[in-house]
Amino acid sequence: MSDKKQNGFKSPDLSKLQLVVIDDKTRIYVDIKEDPEEAKKNYLERLENRKP
């Protein structure tokens, strides 16, 4: 019989991340060392480039 493989994924530790609110429904977590405004700007730029 085959053995069941274990999942190697570990969830990130949210205590080491900071919350960045994009809008009412969207929130992202970034490293504490990162600038939240820069992360928000980068997220919105990626979103604009994705939409046709």
N, C-alpha and C. Protein backbone atom coordinates (compact mmCIF):
# COMPACT_ATOMS: atom_id res chain seq x y z
N MET A 1 0.83 -1.17 0.00
CA MET A 1 0.00 0.00 0.00
C MET A 1 0.88 1.25 0.00
N SER A 2 0.31 2.32 -0.49
CA SER A 2 1.06 3.58 -0.52
C SER A 2 0.82 4.37 0.77
N ASP A 3 1.87 5.02 1.20
CA ASP A 3 1.76 5.85 2.39
C ASP A 3 1.20 7.22 2.00
N LYS A 4 0.42 7.79 2.90
CA LYS A 4 -0.13 9.12 2.66
C LYS A 4 0.94 10.16 2.96
N LYS A 5 1.15 11.09 2.02
CA LYS A 5 2.17 12.12 2.20
C LYS A 5 1.65 13.20 3.13
N GLN A 6 2.56 13.72 3.95
CA GLN A 6 2.21 14.80 4.85
C GLN A 6 2.31 16.13 4.12
N ASN A 7 1.43 17.05 4.48
CA ASN A 7 1.45 18.38 3.89
C ASN A 7 2.58 19.18 4.54
N GLY A 8 3.50 19.73 3.73
CA GLY A 8 4.64 20.45 4.25
C GLY A 8 4.41 21.94 4.37
N PHE A 9 3.19 22.42 4.11
CA PHE A 9 2.92 23.85 4.15
C PHE A 9 2.67 24.31 5.57
N LYS A 10 3.33 25.41 5.94
CA LYS A 10 3.11 26.01 7.26
C LYS A 10 2.51 27.39 7.05
N SER A 11 1.51 27.72 7.81
CA SER A 11 0.89 29.04 7.73
C SER A 11 1.84 30.09 8.28
N PRO A 12 1.81 31.29 7.71
CA PRO A 12 2.69 32.34 8.22
C PRO A 12 2.28 32.77 9.63
N ASP A 13 3.25 33.21 10.39
CA ASP A 13 3.01 33.69 11.76
C ASP A 13 2.53 35.14 11.67
N LEU A 14 1.26 35.38 11.93
CA LEU A 14 0.68 36.71 11.79
C LEU A 14 1.21 37.70 12.82
N SER A 15 1.81 37.20 13.89
CA SER A 15 2.38 38.12 14.87
C SER A 15 3.64 38.80 14.33
N LYS A 16 4.22 38.25 13.26
CA LYS A 16 5.42 38.84 12.66
C LYS A 16 5.07 39.66 11.42
N LEU A 17 3.78 39.83 11.14
CA LEU A 17 3.32 40.58 9.98
C LEU A 17 2.43 41.73 10.43
N GLN A 18 2.31 42.73 9.57
CA GLN A 18 1.41 43.84 9.88
C GLN A 18 0.28 43.88 8.86
N LEU A 19 -0.86 44.27 9.31
CA LEU A 19 -2.05 44.33 8.48
C LEU A 19 -2.08 45.64 7.70
N VAL A 20 -2.38 45.53 6.39
CA VAL A 20 -2.55 46.71 5.54
C VAL A 20 -3.95 46.62 4.95
N VAL A 21 -4.78 47.63 5.22
CA VAL A 21 -6.15 47.66 4.73
C VAL A 21 -6.16 48.36 3.38
N ILE A 22 -6.62 47.63 2.34
CA ILE A 22 -6.69 48.19 1.00
C ILE A 22 -8.03 48.88 0.81
N ASP A 23 -9.11 48.19 1.09
CA ASP A 23 -10.45 48.78 1.10
C ASP A 23 -11.28 48.00 2.10
N ASP A 24 -12.61 48.18 2.07
CA ASP A 24 -13.46 47.53 3.07
C ASP A 24 -13.37 46.01 3.05
N LYS A 25 -13.16 45.44 1.87
CA LYS A 25 -13.16 43.98 1.75
C LYS A 25 -11.77 43.37 1.61
N THR A 26 -10.76 44.18 1.37
CA THR A 26 -9.44 43.67 1.06
C THR A 26 -8.44 44.06 2.13
N ARG A 27 -7.74 43.05 2.65
CA ARG A 27 -6.68 43.26 3.61
C ARG A 27 -5.52 42.36 3.22
N ILE A 28 -4.31 42.89 3.34
CA ILE A 28 -3.12 42.08 3.07
C ILE A 28 -2.19 42.19 4.27
N TYR A 29 -1.31 41.22 4.40
CA TYR A 29 -0.32 41.22 5.46
C TYR A 29 1.05 41.34 4.82
N VAL A 30 1.87 42.23 5.38
CA VAL A 30 3.23 42.42 4.92
C VAL A 30 4.18 42.32 6.10
N ASP A 31 5.45 42.16 5.79
CA ASP A 31 6.48 42.08 6.82
C ASP A 31 6.49 43.38 7.63
N ILE A 32 6.82 43.28 8.89
CA ILE A 32 6.83 44.45 9.78
C ILE A 32 7.80 45.51 9.28
N LYS A 33 8.87 45.08 8.61
CA LYS A 33 9.90 46.01 8.14
C LYS A 33 9.46 46.78 6.89
N GLU A 34 8.43 46.31 6.19
CA GLU A 34 7.99 46.96 4.96
C GLU A 34 7.10 48.17 5.26
N ASP A 35 7.10 49.10 4.30
CA ASP A 35 6.27 50.29 4.39
C ASP A 35 4.84 49.94 3.97
N PRO A 36 3.84 50.16 4.83
CA PRO A 36 2.46 49.78 4.48
C PRO A 36 1.91 50.56 3.28
N GLU A 37 2.28 51.83 3.15
CA GLU A 37 1.79 52.62 2.01
C GLU A 37 2.38 52.11 0.70
N GLU A 38 3.64 51.72 0.73
CA GLU A 38 4.29 51.18 -0.47
C GLU A 38 3.66 49.84 -0.85
N ALA A 39 3.35 49.01 0.14
CA ALA A 39 2.72 47.72 -0.12
C ALA A 39 1.33 47.91 -0.72
N LYS A 40 0.60 48.89 -0.21
CA LYS A 40 -0.74 49.18 -0.74
C LYS A 40 -0.64 49.65 -2.19
N LYS A 41 0.33 50.54 -2.47
CA LYS A 41 0.53 51.05 -3.82
C LYS A 41 0.89 49.91 -4.78
N ASN A 42 1.79 49.02 -4.37
CA ASN A 42 2.19 47.89 -5.20
C ASN A 42 1.02 46.96 -5.48
N TYR A 43 0.20 46.71 -4.47
CA TYR A 43 -0.96 45.84 -4.64
C TYR A 43 -1.92 46.43 -5.67
N LEU A 44 -2.21 47.72 -5.54
CA LEU A 44 -3.14 48.37 -6.46
C LEU A 44 -2.59 48.41 -7.89
N GLU A 45 -1.28 48.59 -8.05
CA GLU A 45 -0.66 48.58 -9.37
C GLU A 45 -0.79 47.21 -10.01
N ARG A 46 -0.55 46.15 -9.25
CA ARG A 46 -0.69 44.79 -9.79
C ARG A 46 -2.13 44.52 -10.20
N LEU A 47 -3.08 45.03 -9.41
CA LEU A 47 -4.49 44.83 -9.71
C LEU A 47 -4.87 45.55 -11.01
N GLU A 48 -4.37 46.76 -11.20
CA GLU A 48 -4.66 47.50 -12.44
C GLU A 48 -4.05 46.82 -13.66
N ASN A 49 -2.85 46.29 -13.52
CA ASN A 49 -2.19 45.64 -14.66
C ASN A 49 -2.87 44.33 -15.03
N ARG A 50 -3.54 43.70 -14.09
CA ARG A 50 -4.19 42.43 -14.35
C ARG A 50 -5.49 42.60 -15.13
N LYS A 51 -6.20 43.68 -14.87
CA LYS A 51 -7.49 43.89 -15.53
C LYS A 51 -7.29 44.39 -16.95
N PRO A 52 -8.02 43.81 -17.93
CA PRO A 52 -7.88 44.25 -19.32
C PRO A 52 -8.53 45.59 -19.60
